N, C-alpha and C. Protein backbone atom coordinates (compact mmCIF):
# COMPACT_ATOMS: atom_id res chain seq x y z
N UNK A 1 26.33 9.27 4.18
CA UNK A 1 25.13 9.26 3.33
C UNK A 1 24.71 7.82 3.07
N UNK A 2 23.45 7.56 3.17
CA UNK A 2 22.92 6.21 3.00
C UNK A 2 22.96 5.81 1.53
N UNK A 3 23.10 4.51 1.31
CA UNK A 3 23.00 3.97 -0.05
C UNK A 3 21.55 4.01 -0.50
N UNK A 4 21.33 4.49 -1.70
CA UNK A 4 19.98 4.51 -2.26
C UNK A 4 19.80 3.27 -3.12
N UNK A 5 18.67 2.60 -2.94
CA UNK A 5 18.33 1.38 -3.68
C UNK A 5 17.02 1.58 -4.42
N UNK A 6 16.84 0.83 -5.49
CA UNK A 6 15.57 0.83 -6.23
C UNK A 6 14.50 0.26 -5.30
N UNK A 7 13.43 1.03 -5.09
CA UNK A 7 12.38 0.61 -4.17
C UNK A 7 11.11 0.21 -4.93
N UNK A 8 10.60 1.11 -5.78
CA UNK A 8 9.38 0.83 -6.53
C UNK A 8 9.46 1.44 -7.93
N UNK A 9 8.75 0.82 -8.86
CA UNK A 9 8.58 1.39 -10.20
C UNK A 9 7.41 2.36 -10.16
N UNK A 10 7.48 3.39 -10.99
CA UNK A 10 6.44 4.40 -11.05
C UNK A 10 5.81 4.40 -12.44
N UNK A 11 4.49 4.54 -12.48
CA UNK A 11 3.75 4.45 -13.75
C UNK A 11 3.80 5.72 -14.58
N UNK A 12 3.85 6.88 -13.91
CA UNK A 12 3.81 8.13 -14.65
C UNK A 12 4.30 9.28 -13.77
N UNK A 13 4.42 10.46 -14.37
CA UNK A 13 4.94 11.62 -13.67
C UNK A 13 4.02 12.08 -12.53
N UNK A 14 2.73 11.96 -12.73
CA UNK A 14 1.78 12.38 -11.69
C UNK A 14 1.93 11.50 -10.45
N UNK A 15 2.02 10.20 -10.65
CA UNK A 15 2.23 9.28 -9.53
C UNK A 15 3.54 9.62 -8.82
N UNK A 16 4.57 9.91 -9.60
CA UNK A 16 5.88 10.26 -9.03
C UNK A 16 5.79 11.52 -8.19
N UNK A 17 5.11 12.54 -8.69
CA UNK A 17 4.98 13.80 -7.96
C UNK A 17 4.17 13.63 -6.68
N UNK A 18 3.08 12.88 -6.75
CA UNK A 18 2.25 12.66 -5.56
C UNK A 18 3.03 11.91 -4.48
N UNK A 19 3.72 10.84 -4.88
CA UNK A 19 4.48 10.06 -3.92
C UNK A 19 5.63 10.89 -3.34
N UNK A 20 6.31 11.64 -4.18
CA UNK A 20 7.40 12.48 -3.72
C UNK A 20 6.91 13.51 -2.70
N UNK A 21 5.74 14.08 -2.94
CA UNK A 21 5.17 15.04 -2.00
C UNK A 21 4.90 14.43 -0.64
N UNK A 22 4.34 13.23 -0.64
CA UNK A 22 4.06 12.53 0.62
C UNK A 22 5.36 12.19 1.34
N UNK A 23 6.35 11.74 0.60
CA UNK A 23 7.64 11.39 1.21
C UNK A 23 8.33 12.63 1.77
N UNK A 24 8.21 13.76 1.07
CA UNK A 24 8.77 15.01 1.59
C UNK A 24 8.11 15.39 2.91
N UNK A 25 6.78 15.25 2.98
CA UNK A 25 6.04 15.57 4.21
C UNK A 25 6.49 14.69 5.37
N UNK A 26 6.86 13.45 5.06
CA UNK A 26 7.27 12.48 6.09
C UNK A 26 8.78 12.52 6.34
N UNK A 27 9.48 13.43 5.66
CA UNK A 27 10.95 13.54 5.77
C UNK A 27 11.66 12.23 5.44
N UNK A 28 11.16 11.53 4.43
CA UNK A 28 11.79 10.30 3.97
C UNK A 28 12.68 10.66 2.78
N UNK A 29 13.99 10.41 2.89
CA UNK A 29 14.88 10.74 1.78
C UNK A 29 14.59 9.85 0.58
N UNK A 30 14.60 10.44 -0.60
CA UNK A 30 14.29 9.67 -1.80
C UNK A 30 14.78 10.42 -3.04
N UNK A 31 14.77 9.70 -4.14
CA UNK A 31 15.16 10.25 -5.43
C UNK A 31 14.27 9.62 -6.48
N UNK A 32 13.68 10.46 -7.35
CA UNK A 32 12.85 9.99 -8.46
C UNK A 32 13.74 9.93 -9.70
N UNK A 33 13.71 8.81 -10.39
CA UNK A 33 14.52 8.64 -11.60
C UNK A 33 13.58 8.30 -12.76
N UNK A 34 13.62 9.11 -13.80
CA UNK A 34 12.82 8.84 -14.99
C UNK A 34 13.64 8.01 -15.98
N UNK A 35 12.98 7.20 -16.74
CA UNK A 35 13.68 6.41 -17.75
C UNK A 35 13.68 7.11 -19.11
N UNK A 36 13.18 8.35 -19.14
CA UNK A 36 13.16 9.09 -20.40
C UNK A 36 14.58 9.48 -20.79
N UNK A 37 14.90 9.29 -22.05
CA UNK A 37 16.20 9.66 -22.59
C UNK A 37 15.96 10.36 -23.92
N UNK A 38 16.39 11.60 -24.03
CA UNK A 38 16.13 12.36 -25.26
C UNK A 38 16.81 11.74 -26.47
N UNK A 39 17.93 11.10 -26.27
CA UNK A 39 18.64 10.47 -27.39
C UNK A 39 17.79 9.37 -28.02
N UNK A 40 17.11 8.61 -27.19
CA UNK A 40 16.30 7.49 -27.68
C UNK A 40 14.81 7.83 -27.72
N UNK A 41 14.46 9.09 -27.57
CA UNK A 41 13.08 9.58 -27.68
C UNK A 41 12.10 8.83 -26.77
N UNK A 42 12.55 8.48 -25.58
CA UNK A 42 11.65 7.87 -24.60
C UNK A 42 11.32 6.41 -24.83
N UNK A 43 12.06 5.72 -25.69
CA UNK A 43 11.74 4.32 -25.99
C UNK A 43 11.81 3.43 -24.75
N UNK A 44 12.69 3.76 -23.81
CA UNK A 44 12.81 2.93 -22.61
C UNK A 44 11.61 3.08 -21.69
N UNK A 45 10.93 4.23 -21.74
CA UNK A 45 9.72 4.39 -20.94
C UNK A 45 8.62 3.47 -21.43
N UNK A 46 8.50 3.29 -22.72
CA UNK A 46 7.45 2.41 -23.23
C UNK A 46 7.76 0.95 -22.94
N UNK A 47 9.03 0.62 -22.84
CA UNK A 47 9.41 -0.77 -22.59
C UNK A 47 9.51 -1.11 -21.10
N UNK A 48 9.96 -0.16 -20.30
CA UNK A 48 10.26 -0.46 -18.89
C UNK A 48 9.47 0.37 -17.89
N UNK A 49 8.60 1.25 -18.35
CA UNK A 49 7.82 2.08 -17.44
C UNK A 49 8.40 3.48 -17.31
N UNK A 50 7.60 4.37 -16.73
CA UNK A 50 7.97 5.78 -16.66
C UNK A 50 9.27 6.01 -15.90
N UNK A 51 9.41 5.38 -14.75
CA UNK A 51 10.60 5.58 -13.93
C UNK A 51 10.52 4.79 -12.64
N UNK A 52 11.33 5.18 -11.68
CA UNK A 52 11.34 4.47 -10.41
C UNK A 52 11.79 5.39 -9.29
N UNK A 53 11.62 4.91 -8.07
CA UNK A 53 12.00 5.66 -6.89
C UNK A 53 13.14 4.93 -6.20
N UNK A 54 14.15 5.70 -5.80
CA UNK A 54 15.26 5.16 -5.02
C UNK A 54 15.22 5.80 -3.63
N UNK A 55 15.61 5.02 -2.63
CA UNK A 55 15.66 5.51 -1.25
C UNK A 55 16.54 4.57 -0.44
N UNK A 56 16.91 4.98 0.77
CA UNK A 56 17.62 4.05 1.64
C UNK A 56 16.77 2.81 1.92
N UNK A 57 17.41 1.68 1.98
CA UNK A 57 16.73 0.38 2.12
C UNK A 57 15.78 0.33 3.31
N UNK A 58 16.13 1.00 4.41
CA UNK A 58 15.30 0.89 5.62
C UNK A 58 13.91 1.51 5.47
N UNK A 59 13.68 2.27 4.41
CA UNK A 59 12.37 2.89 4.18
C UNK A 59 11.49 2.09 3.21
N UNK A 60 11.97 0.95 2.74
CA UNK A 60 11.28 0.18 1.71
C UNK A 60 9.82 -0.10 2.06
N UNK A 61 9.57 -0.71 3.20
CA UNK A 61 8.20 -1.09 3.56
C UNK A 61 7.28 0.13 3.68
N UNK A 62 7.78 1.17 4.31
CA UNK A 62 6.97 2.38 4.50
C UNK A 62 6.62 3.02 3.15
N UNK A 63 7.58 3.09 2.25
CA UNK A 63 7.34 3.69 0.93
C UNK A 63 6.33 2.86 0.15
N UNK A 64 6.49 1.56 0.17
CA UNK A 64 5.55 0.70 -0.56
C UNK A 64 4.13 0.82 -0.01
N UNK A 65 3.99 0.93 1.30
CA UNK A 65 2.66 1.11 1.90
C UNK A 65 2.06 2.45 1.48
N UNK A 66 2.87 3.50 1.48
CA UNK A 66 2.38 4.82 1.06
C UNK A 66 1.94 4.81 -0.40
N UNK A 67 2.68 4.11 -1.25
CA UNK A 67 2.30 4.02 -2.66
C UNK A 67 0.99 3.26 -2.82
N UNK A 68 0.80 2.19 -2.07
CA UNK A 68 -0.46 1.44 -2.12
C UNK A 68 -1.61 2.34 -1.68
N UNK A 69 -1.39 3.11 -0.61
CA UNK A 69 -2.43 4.04 -0.15
C UNK A 69 -2.77 5.08 -1.21
N UNK A 70 -1.75 5.65 -1.86
CA UNK A 70 -1.99 6.64 -2.91
C UNK A 70 -2.74 6.03 -4.08
N UNK A 71 -2.37 4.82 -4.45
CA UNK A 71 -3.01 4.14 -5.57
C UNK A 71 -4.46 3.82 -5.25
N UNK A 72 -4.72 3.35 -4.02
CA UNK A 72 -6.10 3.02 -3.66
C UNK A 72 -6.94 4.29 -3.54
N UNK A 73 -6.34 5.40 -3.09
CA UNK A 73 -7.06 6.68 -3.04
C UNK A 73 -7.46 7.12 -4.44
N UNK A 74 -6.56 6.97 -5.40
CA UNK A 74 -6.85 7.35 -6.78
C UNK A 74 -7.94 6.46 -7.36
N UNK A 75 -7.89 5.16 -7.06
CA UNK A 75 -8.92 4.24 -7.55
C UNK A 75 -10.28 4.58 -6.95
N UNK A 76 -10.31 4.92 -5.66
CA UNK A 76 -11.56 5.29 -5.00
C UNK A 76 -12.17 6.55 -5.60
N UNK A 77 -11.34 7.52 -5.95
CA UNK A 77 -11.87 8.77 -6.52
C UNK A 77 -12.45 8.54 -7.91
N UNK A 78 -11.91 7.58 -8.65
CA UNK A 78 -12.46 7.26 -9.98
C UNK A 78 -13.81 6.56 -9.85
N UNK A 79 -13.97 5.74 -8.82
CA UNK A 79 -15.23 5.03 -8.62
C UNK A 79 -16.34 5.99 -8.21
N UNK A 80 -15.99 7.05 -7.48
CA UNK A 80 -16.98 8.02 -7.02
C UNK A 80 -17.49 8.91 -8.14
N UNK A 81 -16.71 9.03 -9.20
CA UNK A 81 -17.09 9.94 -10.30
C UNK A 81 -18.21 9.39 -11.14
């Protein structure tokens, strides 16, 4: 099993779900990790962001490119509205 490394930070659950869906379609192994902790009532999410994505190191560039594409698609749809 490959070592999973921190690849990118995620802004929110929707971004995480969209990216995870694309990675599943591409058969890229990954893991979404949220920084929410019920004991601390989510304080780490406000300080450090919603969460992050882990994956094998060899997928780093591809994952970052896919995230940029998803982000630019979302920005384009807001401009069209």
